[in-house]
Amino acid sequence: MNGIPPSAATARERSDAGQGGDGGTPLSNGLKQRHLSMIALGGVIGAGLFVGSGAGIAAAGPSIVLAYAVSGALVMLIMRMLGEMAAANPASGSFSVHAGRSIGPWAGFTAGWMFTALLCVAVAAEAIGAAGIMTQWFPGTQTWMWVLLFMVIFCGTNLAAVSNFGEFEFWFAALKVAAIGIFLILGLLAIFGALPGTAAPGASHLTGDGGFLPKGVDGLMVGLLASVFAYGGLETVTIAAAESKDPVRGVARAVRTAMWRIALFYVGSMAIIVTVIPWSEPSITKSGPYVAVLDYLDIPAAGQIMNVVILVALLSAMNANIYGSSRMAFSLTSRGQGPAFLGKVSGGVPRRAVVLCSAFGFLAVLFSFWWPTTVFQWLLNMVGAAVLVVWGFIAAAQLRMRRQLEREAPEKLVVKMWAFPFLTWVALAGIAAVLLLMLRDENQRIQLLFTGGFALVLAVIGLLRSKLGRTPVEGERPAAG
């Protein structure tokens, strides 16, 4: 590796990763390979899959399987590109660092703060959802009480050693994976008529209730949009990998298994749901598609079982999003692109960033009580299409970084993007297509305009900071003080 002994090279990579790529105070490397593997595995299983997929099924019918397959292919391309860059240059700022190095500091600033805002608002939305389940179980309690409890718990776990976050996510993910695994097995048994009390449905529900495309191409497009945003959260594993003992191997392994995870959990689940029960079944949107299938199969206490799984999914997402937002905020600060007080590391953890991100999430929850149709809705709209902006920066950064790596350090390409640069351009075209689809729908159009305005404001601020000399060159350590 350019004449550097392997042990020294590994140490350097680990140090760069923990420092966010800037040479500042290092984070810890307390995440184990089993943590990373389960974070990657569980990261694709969220409340969006368990609950949000119902709206997609209602809009697209059986063609939701095709919608999830197409959007899943796009996500796999994005993850492969991100994996290539993260394995070559592990950093706690992940794609923000890569965009800053490849495109310019303004790009790292824009992508990083947009992603941080997205995760903070998502923490609020997930806390509200989790509290809603708890108030159903305990009718005499208030939503804000549970929100505050969850915030304190997960802020606390993230303030402690990073291994605490990893351990929580390991068991959360294990429960989600087990739940999906059992669901898939029960669904397959039902499809083949091997489950007592059920008859094999054949293709009757796939073609007999209005056909595979009951609402035409328009329905498929709505389902496609719903499926794209269900994949959010996959990026966190490349942030977490920077705090592992072997970041290069960890991120490489996680990215290489992305294909079968997406195919099994998302596409497989959708195929089972629309095969076992009619897509027009009202309970799919009322109770959620997984509860609807389990009720149809006469599984005792199906609703409560899935409520437990959904609660775990929401709490897992809260935990991961507090972690991801705090690490991204720390990385930005360590590169001179944020308030300096967030850059302090204690015990290998950026505790001030953790507290700030948790506090912002709780404040957003209060906004949902005080101004649900104004301030909180504006926050939701501002980050509604943020993941697409981030994916665009990832693809653009990979286009430039790959050429540079091929010239200067080809040995770092331990994970390579398939069919480069053709599939990178295909991914960019796919992102553009999704944005155009959003323009067709009034609600989606509002989100797109808000998100576009937010991204433009961040880009202008980033460019002005660069021109005024406020942002160091990516990879340099900001001046002390």
Protein backbone atom coordinates (compact mmCIF):
# COMPACT_ATOMS: atom_id res chain seq x y z
CA MET A 1 0.00 0.00 0.00
CA ASN A 2 2.32 2.70 -1.33
CA GLY A 3 5.21 1.29 0.70
CA ILE A 4 3.35 1.45 4.03
CA PRO A 5 3.45 -1.73 6.12
CA PRO A 6 0.02 -3.41 6.38
CA SER A 7 -0.24 -2.81 10.13
CA ALA A 8 0.57 0.87 9.75
CA ALA A 9 -1.86 1.21 6.85
CA THR A 10 -4.66 -0.35 8.87
CA ALA A 11 -3.95 1.94 11.80
CA ARG A 12 -4.00 4.96 9.52
CA GLU A 13 -7.29 3.94 7.93
CA ARG A 14 -8.84 3.39 11.36
CA SER A 15 -7.59 6.75 12.59
CA ASP A 16 -8.88 8.62 9.52
CA ALA A 17 -12.23 6.89 9.86
CA GLY A 18 -12.74 7.85 13.46
CA GLN A 19 -11.68 11.43 12.86
CA GLY A 20 -14.23 12.05 10.17
CA GLY A 21 -11.39 12.29 7.66
CA ASP A 22 -9.95 15.50 9.05
CA GLY A 23 -7.29 14.61 11.56
CA GLY A 24 -9.25 15.88 14.59
CA THR A 25 -9.92 14.17 17.91
CA PRO A 26 -10.64 10.50 17.17
CA LEU A 27 -13.85 8.68 17.93
CA SER A 28 -13.69 5.22 19.47
CA ASN A 29 -13.66 1.98 17.51
CA GLY A 30 -15.94 0.01 19.81
CA LEU A 31 -18.25 -1.51 17.19
CA LYS A 32 -17.68 -5.20 16.51
CA GLN A 33 -18.20 -7.04 13.25
CA ARG A 34 -21.36 -8.70 14.62
CA HIS A 35 -22.72 -5.20 15.39
CA LEU A 36 -22.05 -4.01 11.84
CA SER A 37 -23.50 -7.15 10.29
CA MET A 38 -26.74 -6.84 12.24
CA ILE A 39 -26.96 -3.06 11.76
CA ALA A 40 -26.67 -3.65 8.01
CA LEU A 41 -29.21 -6.47 8.18
CA GLY A 42 -31.71 -4.65 10.37
CA GLY A 43 -31.20 -1.30 8.69
CA VAL A 44 -33.43 -2.31 5.80
CA ILE A 45 -36.29 -3.35 8.10
CA GLY A 46 -38.14 -0.30 9.39
CA ALA A 47 -41.63 0.89 10.19
CA GLY A 48 -41.89 2.04 6.57
CA LEU A 49 -41.84 -1.61 5.53
CA PHE A 50 -44.23 -2.87 8.22
CA VAL A 51 -46.79 -0.05 7.96
CA GLY A 52 -46.01 2.34 5.09
CA SER A 53 -46.01 -0.40 2.46
CA GLY A 54 -49.79 -0.67 2.85
CA ALA A 55 -50.34 2.60 0.99
CA GLY A 56 -48.10 1.39 -1.83
CA ILE A 57 -50.04 -1.86 -2.16
CA ALA A 58 -53.35 0.03 -2.22
CA ALA A 59 -52.04 2.27 -5.00
CA ALA A 60 -50.24 -0.28 -7.18
CA GLY A 61 -51.91 -3.61 -6.44
CA PRO A 62 -49.81 -6.70 -7.20
CA SER A 63 -47.43 -4.55 -9.27
CA ILE A 64 -46.04 -3.27 -5.95
CA VAL A 65 -43.64 -6.23 -6.28
CA LEU A 66 -42.27 -4.69 -9.47
CA ALA A 67 -42.14 -1.23 -7.84
CA TYR A 68 -40.07 -2.53 -4.92
CA ALA A 69 -37.81 -4.47 -7.28
CA VAL A 70 -37.11 -1.39 -9.43
CA SER A 71 -36.54 0.96 -6.49
CA GLY A 72 -34.51 -1.76 -4.76
CA ALA A 73 -32.24 -2.00 -7.80
CA LEU A 74 -31.67 1.77 -7.60
CA VAL A 75 -30.86 1.54 -3.90
CA MET A 76 -28.42 -1.31 -4.53
CA LEU A 77 -26.56 0.86 -7.04
CA ILE A 78 -26.42 3.73 -4.53
CA MET A 79 -25.16 1.44 -1.78
CA ARG A 80 -22.54 -0.08 -4.06
CA MET A 81 -21.21 3.37 -4.94
CA LEU A 82 -21.23 4.43 -1.31
CA GLY A 83 -19.54 1.17 -0.33
CA GLU A 84 -16.78 1.74 -2.88
CA MET A 85 -15.99 5.18 -1.45
CA ALA A 86 -16.43 4.16 2.20
CA ALA A 87 -14.13 1.14 1.85
CA ALA A 88 -11.49 3.25 0.11
CA ASN A 89 -11.70 6.14 2.61
CA PRO A 90 -13.64 5.24 5.79
CA ALA A 91 -14.93 8.34 7.58
CA SER A 92 -17.58 9.07 10.20
CA GLY A 93 -18.96 11.70 7.80
CA SER A 94 -19.39 9.06 5.07
CA PHE A 95 -20.85 10.54 1.87
CA SER A 96 -20.49 14.11 3.18
CA VAL A 97 -16.71 13.64 3.34
CA HIS A 98 -16.64 11.97 -0.09
CA ALA A 99 -18.77 14.71 -1.68
CA GLY A 100 -16.56 17.40 -0.11
CA ARG A 101 -13.37 15.81 -1.41
CA SER A 102 -14.68 14.99 -4.88
CA ILE A 103 -16.99 17.89 -5.71
CA GLY A 104 -16.09 20.67 -3.28
CA PRO A 105 -16.56 21.71 0.37
CA TRP A 106 -19.97 23.21 -0.44
CA ALA A 107 -21.21 19.78 -1.55
CA GLY A 108 -20.03 18.12 1.66
CA PHE A 109 -21.65 20.92 3.66
CA THR A 110 -24.98 20.61 1.81
CA ALA A 111 -25.21 16.81 1.86
CA GLY A 112 -24.07 16.57 5.48
CA TRP A 113 -26.41 19.12 7.04
CA MET A 114 -29.35 17.97 4.91
CA PHE A 115 -28.83 14.41 6.13
CA THR A 116 -28.46 15.58 9.73
CA ALA A 117 -31.75 17.50 9.50
CA LEU A 118 -33.44 14.48 7.90
CA LEU A 119 -32.39 12.18 10.74
CA CYS A 120 -33.36 14.66 13.47
CA VAL A 121 -36.86 15.12 12.03
CA ALA A 122 -37.12 11.35 11.55
CA VAL A 123 -36.31 10.87 15.25
CA ALA A 124 -39.33 13.05 16.08
CA ALA A 125 -41.65 11.18 13.70
CA GLU A 126 -40.52 7.80 15.03
CA ALA A 127 -40.88 8.92 18.65
CA ILE A 128 -44.46 10.04 17.96
CA GLY A 129 -45.25 6.70 16.30
CA ALA A 130 -43.74 4.69 19.16
CA ALA A 131 -45.56 6.79 21.76
CA GLY A 132 -48.83 6.21 19.88
CA ILE A 133 -48.45 2.46 20.33
CA MET A 134 -47.68 2.87 24.03
CA THR A 135 -50.77 5.06 24.61
CA GLN A 136 -52.88 2.31 23.02
CA TRP A 137 -51.50 -0.16 25.55
CA PHE A 138 -51.71 2.32 28.44
CA PRO A 139 -54.76 4.54 27.71
CA GLY A 140 -54.32 6.77 30.75
CA THR A 141 -50.90 8.04 29.65
CA GLN A 142 -49.91 11.01 27.49
CA THR A 143 -47.92 10.90 24.26
CA TRP A 144 -45.31 13.42 25.42
CA MET A 145 -44.47 11.27 28.45
CA TRP A 146 -43.44 8.33 26.30
CA VAL A 147 -41.60 10.57 23.84
CA LEU A 148 -39.57 12.08 26.68
CA LEU A 149 -38.83 8.62 28.11
CA PHE A 150 -37.64 7.28 24.75
CA MET A 151 -35.52 10.37 24.12
CA VAL A 152 -33.83 10.08 27.52
CA ILE A 153 -33.14 6.36 27.04
CA PHE A 154 -31.63 6.63 23.59
CA CYS A 155 -29.80 9.86 24.27
CA GLY A 156 -28.30 8.02 27.25
CA THR A 157 -27.27 4.97 25.23
CA ASN A 158 -25.62 7.21 22.63
CA LEU A 159 -23.85 9.29 25.28
CA ALA A 160 -22.18 6.16 26.62
CA ALA A 161 -19.62 4.13 24.69
CA VAL A 162 -20.45 3.43 21.05
CA SER A 163 -20.57 -0.27 21.90
CA ASN A 164 -23.83 0.47 23.77
CA PHE A 165 -25.39 1.77 20.57
CA GLY A 166 -24.07 -1.28 18.73
CA GLU A 167 -25.46 -3.67 21.33
CA PHE A 168 -28.91 -2.07 21.30
CA GLU A 169 -29.02 -2.16 17.51
CA PHE A 170 -27.77 -5.76 17.46
CA TRP A 171 -30.71 -7.00 19.54
CA PHE A 172 -33.26 -4.69 17.92
CA ALA A 173 -32.17 -5.89 14.50
CA ALA A 174 -32.17 -9.52 15.62
CA LEU A 175 -35.81 -9.21 16.70
CA LYS A 176 -36.82 -7.55 13.41
CA VAL A 177 -34.99 -10.14 11.33
CA ALA A 178 -36.60 -12.96 13.32
CA ALA A 179 -40.06 -11.44 12.84
CA ILE A 180 -39.61 -11.06 9.09
CA GLY A 181 -38.13 -14.54 8.84
CA ILE A 182 -41.13 -16.10 10.60
CA PHE A 183 -43.52 -14.07 8.42
CA LEU A 184 -41.80 -15.24 5.22
CA ILE A 185 -41.91 -18.88 6.32
CA LEU A 186 -45.61 -18.70 7.25
CA GLY A 187 -46.38 -16.94 3.97
CA LEU A 188 -44.59 -19.55 1.88
CA LEU A 189 -46.35 -22.39 3.73
CA ALA A 190 -49.69 -20.69 3.03
CA ILE A 191 -48.89 -20.16 -0.65
CA PHE A 192 -48.06 -23.85 -1.09
CA GLY A 193 -51.08 -24.97 0.94
CA ALA A 194 -48.88 -26.52 3.63
CA LEU A 195 -50.30 -24.44 6.48
CA PRO A 196 -53.24 -26.12 8.31
CA GLY A 197 -56.57 -24.47 7.53
CA THR A 198 -55.42 -22.65 4.38
CA ALA A 199 -55.70 -23.50 0.70
CA ALA A 200 -53.01 -22.68 -1.86
CA PRO A 201 -54.11 -19.41 -3.54
CA GLY A 202 -52.15 -19.98 -6.76
CA ALA A 203 -52.09 -16.83 -8.90
CA SER A 204 -55.71 -15.87 -8.21
CA HIS A 205 -54.84 -12.76 -6.21
CA LEU A 206 -52.06 -11.72 -8.58
CA THR A 207 -54.20 -11.70 -11.72
CA GLY A 208 -57.84 -12.18 -10.65
CA ASP A 209 -58.56 -8.89 -8.89
CA GLY A 210 -58.15 -6.47 -11.77
CA GLY A 211 -54.93 -7.96 -13.10
CA PHE A 212 -51.29 -7.40 -12.18
CA LEU A 213 -51.66 -3.67 -12.95
CA PRO A 214 -55.18 -2.94 -11.64
CA LYS A 215 -54.62 0.84 -11.62
CA GLY A 216 -52.42 0.97 -14.67
CA VAL A 217 -49.03 2.60 -14.99
CA ASP A 218 -50.10 5.55 -12.83
CA GLY A 219 -50.73 3.22 -9.91
CA LEU A 220 -47.35 1.60 -10.45
CA MET A 221 -45.67 5.02 -10.38
CA VAL A 222 -47.36 5.90 -7.06
CA GLY A 223 -46.22 2.57 -5.67
CA LEU A 224 -42.71 3.23 -6.93
CA LEU A 225 -42.53 6.54 -5.07
CA ALA A 226 -43.81 4.89 -1.88
CA SER A 227 -41.22 2.14 -2.17
CA VAL A 228 -38.24 4.44 -2.80
CA PHE A 229 -38.60 6.21 0.53
CA ALA A 230 -39.06 2.94 2.43
CA TYR A 231 -35.38 2.14 1.85
CA GLY A 232 -34.09 5.04 3.95
CA GLY A 233 -31.59 4.09 6.67
CA LEU A 234 -29.19 1.96 4.67
CA GLU A 235 -26.60 4.74 4.72
CA THR A 236 -26.10 4.48 8.50
CA VAL A 237 -23.96 1.34 8.23
CA THR A 238 -21.22 3.23 6.35
CA ILE A 239 -21.19 5.84 9.14
CA ALA A 240 -21.05 3.13 11.81
CA ALA A 241 -18.29 1.23 10.00
CA ALA A 242 -15.91 4.13 10.68
CA GLU A 243 -16.10 3.29 14.41
CA SER A 244 -15.31 -0.39 14.01
CA LYS A 245 -11.98 -2.15 14.47
CA ASP A 246 -11.73 -2.95 10.76
CA PRO A 247 -13.79 -0.32 8.86
CA VAL A 248 -12.71 -1.41 5.38
CA ARG A 249 -13.66 -5.05 5.81
CA GLY A 250 -16.81 -4.16 7.75
CA VAL A 251 -18.31 -1.84 5.13
CA ALA A 252 -17.25 -4.15 2.29
CA ARG A 253 -19.06 -7.11 3.83
CA ALA A 254 -22.20 -5.05 4.57
CA VAL A 255 -22.45 -3.67 1.03
CA ARG A 256 -21.81 -7.01 -0.63
CA THR A 257 -24.78 -8.58 1.14
CA ALA A 258 -27.15 -5.69 0.33
CA MET A 259 -28.59 -7.42 -2.75
CA TRP A 260 -30.01 -10.50 -1.07
CA ARG A 261 -31.23 -8.51 1.95
CA ILE A 262 -33.28 -6.18 -0.26
CA ALA A 263 -34.57 -9.02 -2.41
CA LEU A 264 -35.54 -11.17 0.58
CA PHE A 265 -37.01 -8.66 2.99
CA TYR A 266 -38.69 -6.14 0.70
CA VAL A 267 -39.44 -7.77 -2.63
CA GLY A 268 -40.05 -11.17 -1.00
CA SER A 269 -42.43 -9.73 1.58
CA MET A 270 -44.45 -7.81 -1.01
CA ALA A 271 -44.70 -10.91 -3.22
CA ILE A 272 -46.05 -12.98 -0.32
CA ILE A 273 -48.55 -10.33 0.80
CA VAL A 274 -50.21 -9.81 -2.61
CA THR A 275 -50.18 -13.56 -3.31
CA VAL A 276 -51.78 -14.63 -0.02
CA ILE A 277 -54.56 -12.00 0.20
CA PRO A 278 -56.34 -9.69 -2.29
CA TRP A 279 -54.50 -6.39 -2.72
CA SER A 280 -57.81 -4.51 -2.28
CA GLU A 281 -58.43 -5.94 1.19
CA PRO A 282 -59.29 -2.90 3.40
CA SER A 283 -57.30 -4.26 6.34
CA ILE A 284 -54.06 -3.81 4.37
CA THR A 285 -54.20 -0.05 4.84
CA LYS A 286 -56.21 -0.05 8.08
CA SER A 287 -54.13 -2.53 10.10
CA GLY A 288 -51.03 -2.82 7.93
CA PRO A 289 -50.22 -5.51 5.35
CA TYR A 290 -48.37 -7.83 7.74
CA VAL A 291 -51.17 -7.82 10.32
CA ALA A 292 -53.70 -8.36 7.49
CA VAL A 293 -51.85 -11.47 6.30
CA LEU A 294 -51.40 -12.87 9.81
CA ASP A 295 -55.09 -12.30 10.57
CA TYR A 296 -56.04 -14.04 7.33
CA LEU A 297 -53.86 -16.99 8.34
CA ASP A 298 -55.67 -16.96 11.71
CA ILE A 299 -52.49 -16.42 13.73
CA PRO A 300 -53.54 -15.71 17.37
CA ALA A 301 -52.94 -12.13 18.61
CA ALA A 302 -51.51 -11.13 15.20
CA GLY A 303 -52.21 -7.43 15.75
CA GLN A 304 -50.45 -7.27 19.11
CA ILE A 305 -47.50 -9.31 17.84
CA MET A 306 -46.98 -6.89 14.97
CA ASN A 307 -47.42 -3.88 17.26
CA VAL A 308 -44.49 -5.17 19.31
CA VAL A 309 -42.42 -5.63 16.15
CA ILE A 310 -43.37 -2.17 14.86
CA LEU A 311 -42.49 -0.65 18.25
CA VAL A 312 -39.09 -2.32 18.10
CA ALA A 313 -38.60 -1.05 14.54
CA LEU A 314 -39.44 2.51 15.59
CA LEU A 315 -37.19 2.43 18.65
CA SER A 316 -34.38 0.93 16.58
CA ALA A 317 -34.75 3.73 14.03
CA MET A 318 -34.71 6.35 16.81
CA ASN A 319 -31.52 4.89 18.24
CA ALA A 320 -29.82 4.69 14.83
CA ASN A 321 -30.91 8.17 13.77
CA ILE A 322 -29.64 9.84 16.95
CA TYR A 323 -26.36 8.05 16.36
CA GLY A 324 -26.17 8.91 12.66
CA SER A 325 -27.13 12.57 13.07
CA SER A 326 -24.65 13.13 15.91
CA ARG A 327 -21.78 11.54 13.96
CA MET A 328 -22.57 13.53 10.85
CA ALA A 329 -22.78 16.78 12.87
CA PHE A 330 -19.47 15.94 14.54
CA SER A 331 -17.80 15.19 11.22
CA LEU A 332 -19.02 18.46 9.71
CA THR A 333 -17.77 20.40 12.73
CA SER A 334 -14.40 18.66 12.69
CA ARG A 335 -14.03 19.83 9.07
CA GLY A 336 -14.81 23.43 9.99
CA GLN A 337 -18.38 23.29 8.65
CA GLY A 338 -20.31 23.61 11.89
CA PRO A 339 -20.29 25.22 15.34
CA ALA A 340 -17.01 24.42 17.08
CA PHE A 341 -18.61 23.41 20.40
CA LEU A 342 -20.04 20.27 18.74
CA GLY A 343 -16.55 19.00 17.94
CA LYS A 344 -15.62 18.03 21.51
CA VAL A 345 -15.15 14.28 22.01
CA SER A 346 -15.31 12.68 25.45
CA GLY A 347 -14.64 9.00 25.97
CA GLY A 348 -14.60 8.49 22.21
CA VAL A 349 -18.15 9.92 21.85
CA PRO A 350 -19.20 13.38 20.51
CA ARG A 351 -21.53 13.91 23.47
CA ARG A 352 -22.49 17.51 22.74
CA ALA A 353 -23.58 16.51 19.24
CA VAL A 354 -25.62 13.63 20.70
CA VAL A 355 -27.40 15.94 23.16
CA LEU A 356 -28.08 18.60 20.51
CA CYS A 357 -29.51 16.12 17.98
CA SER A 358 -31.68 14.49 20.67
CA ALA A 359 -32.88 17.91 21.87
CA PHE A 360 -33.76 18.97 18.32
CA GLY A 361 -35.74 15.75 17.88
CA PHE A 362 -37.69 16.42 21.08
CA LEU A 363 -38.25 20.06 20.05
CA ALA A 364 -39.66 18.86 16.72
CA VAL A 365 -42.10 16.65 18.66
CA LEU A 366 -43.24 19.71 20.62
CA PHE A 367 -43.73 21.51 17.31
CA SER A 368 -46.05 18.66 16.28
CA PHE A 369 -48.21 19.48 19.34
CA TRP A 370 -48.04 23.27 19.11
CA TRP A 371 -48.03 23.87 15.33
CA PRO A 372 -48.89 20.55 13.63
CA THR A 373 -50.03 22.08 10.33
CA THR A 374 -47.38 24.80 10.04
CA VAL A 375 -43.93 24.47 11.61
CA PHE A 376 -43.92 20.68 11.96
CA GLN A 377 -45.34 20.19 8.48
CA TRP A 378 -42.68 22.54 7.09
CA LEU A 379 -40.00 20.43 8.74
CA LEU A 380 -41.46 17.27 7.23
CA ASN A 381 -41.65 18.88 3.80
CA MET A 382 -38.08 20.22 3.98
CA VAL A 383 -36.67 16.73 4.46
CA GLY A 384 -39.32 14.91 2.40
CA ALA A 385 -37.05 14.36 -0.59
CA ALA A 386 -33.72 14.81 1.24
CA VAL A 387 -32.68 11.22 0.66
CA LEU A 388 -32.81 11.81 -3.11
CA VAL A 389 -30.52 14.83 -2.75
CA VAL A 390 -28.08 12.73 -0.71
CA TRP A 391 -28.19 9.92 -3.29
CA GLY A 392 -27.47 12.46 -6.03
CA PHE A 393 -24.37 13.67 -4.19
CA ILE A 394 -23.24 10.07 -3.64
CA ALA A 395 -23.47 9.26 -7.36
CA ALA A 396 -21.78 12.50 -8.44
CA ALA A 397 -18.99 12.03 -5.89
CA GLN A 398 -18.39 8.43 -6.94
CA LEU A 399 -18.06 9.44 -10.59
CA ARG A 400 -15.15 11.73 -9.72
CA MET A 401 -13.56 9.74 -6.88
CA ARG A 402 -13.36 6.50 -8.87
CA ARG A 403 -11.22 8.15 -11.55
CA GLN A 404 -8.95 9.62 -8.90
CA LEU A 405 -8.57 6.30 -7.09
CA GLU A 406 -7.77 4.47 -10.33
CA ARG A 407 -4.95 6.95 -10.97
CA GLU A 408 -3.55 7.40 -7.49
CA ALA A 409 -4.46 4.44 -5.25
CA PRO A 410 -6.02 1.52 -7.16
CA GLU A 411 -5.25 -0.83 -4.25
CA LYS A 412 -7.96 0.95 -2.23
CA LEU A 413 -10.69 -0.23 -4.61
CA VAL A 414 -11.61 -3.29 -2.55
CA VAL A 415 -15.30 -2.74 -3.39
CA LYS A 416 -15.94 -1.73 -6.98
CA MET A 417 -19.04 -0.25 -8.54
CA TRP A 418 -20.46 -2.59 -11.15
CA ALA A 419 -20.05 -1.63 -14.83
CA PHE A 420 -18.56 1.77 -14.03
CA PRO A 421 -19.41 4.41 -15.21
CA PHE A 422 -22.49 3.10 -17.03
CA LEU A 423 -24.45 2.03 -13.94
CA THR A 424 -23.51 5.20 -12.09
CA TRP A 425 -25.16 7.21 -14.86
CA VAL A 426 -28.13 4.80 -14.77
CA ALA A 427 -28.49 5.55 -11.03
CA LEU A 428 -28.37 9.32 -11.67
CA ALA A 429 -31.02 8.90 -14.37
CA GLY A 430 -33.13 6.88 -11.93
CA ILE A 431 -32.90 9.62 -9.29
CA ALA A 432 -33.92 12.20 -11.90
CA ALA A 433 -36.86 10.00 -12.92
CA VAL A 434 -38.09 9.77 -9.32
CA LEU A 435 -37.86 13.55 -8.97
CA LEU A 436 -39.93 13.98 -12.14
CA LEU A 437 -42.53 11.54 -10.80
CA MET A 438 -42.76 13.61 -7.63
CA LEU A 439 -43.61 16.67 -9.72
CA ARG A 440 -46.71 14.88 -11.02
CA ASP A 441 -48.28 14.54 -7.58
CA GLU A 442 -49.42 17.66 -5.72
CA ASN A 443 -48.43 16.49 -2.23
CA GLN A 444 -45.10 15.15 -3.45
CA ARG A 445 -44.54 18.34 -5.45
CA ILE A 446 -44.82 20.46 -2.30
CA GLN A 447 -42.24 18.27 -0.54
CA LEU A 448 -39.93 18.49 -3.54
CA LEU A 449 -40.15 22.29 -3.65
CA PHE A 450 -39.50 22.63 0.09
CA THR A 451 -36.58 20.18 -0.04
CA GLY A 452 -35.17 21.85 -3.14
CA GLY A 453 -35.36 25.24 -1.44
CA PHE A 454 -33.63 23.88 1.68
CA ALA A 455 -30.88 22.29 -0.43
CA LEU A 456 -30.40 25.55 -2.36
CA VAL A 457 -30.06 27.56 0.87
CA LEU A 458 -27.48 25.10 2.23
CA ALA A 459 -25.55 25.12 -1.07
CA VAL A 460 -25.45 28.93 -1.12
CA ILE A 461 -24.22 29.03 2.49
CA GLY A 462 -21.61 26.40 1.69
CA LEU A 463 -20.39 28.32 -1.39
CA LEU A 464 -20.23 31.61 0.53
CA ARG A 465 -18.25 29.96 3.33
CA SER A 466 -15.79 28.61 0.79
CA LYS A 467 -15.38 31.96 -0.95
CA LEU A 468 -14.90 33.76 2.37
CA GLY A 469 -12.30 31.22 3.45
CA ARG A 470 -14.45 29.91 6.32
CA THR A 471 -14.21 26.28 5.23
CA PRO A 472 -10.85 24.43 5.14
CA VAL A 473 -9.98 22.25 2.19
CA GLU A 474 -11.57 18.82 2.69
CA GLY A 475 -9.23 16.55 4.58
CA GLU A 476 -7.40 19.37 6.38
CA ARG A 477 -7.79 19.91 10.09
CA PRO A 478 -9.49 23.20 11.00
CA ALA A 479 -7.39 25.70 12.86
CA ALA A 480 -7.56 25.38 16.65
CA GLY A 481 -10.04 27.65 18.38
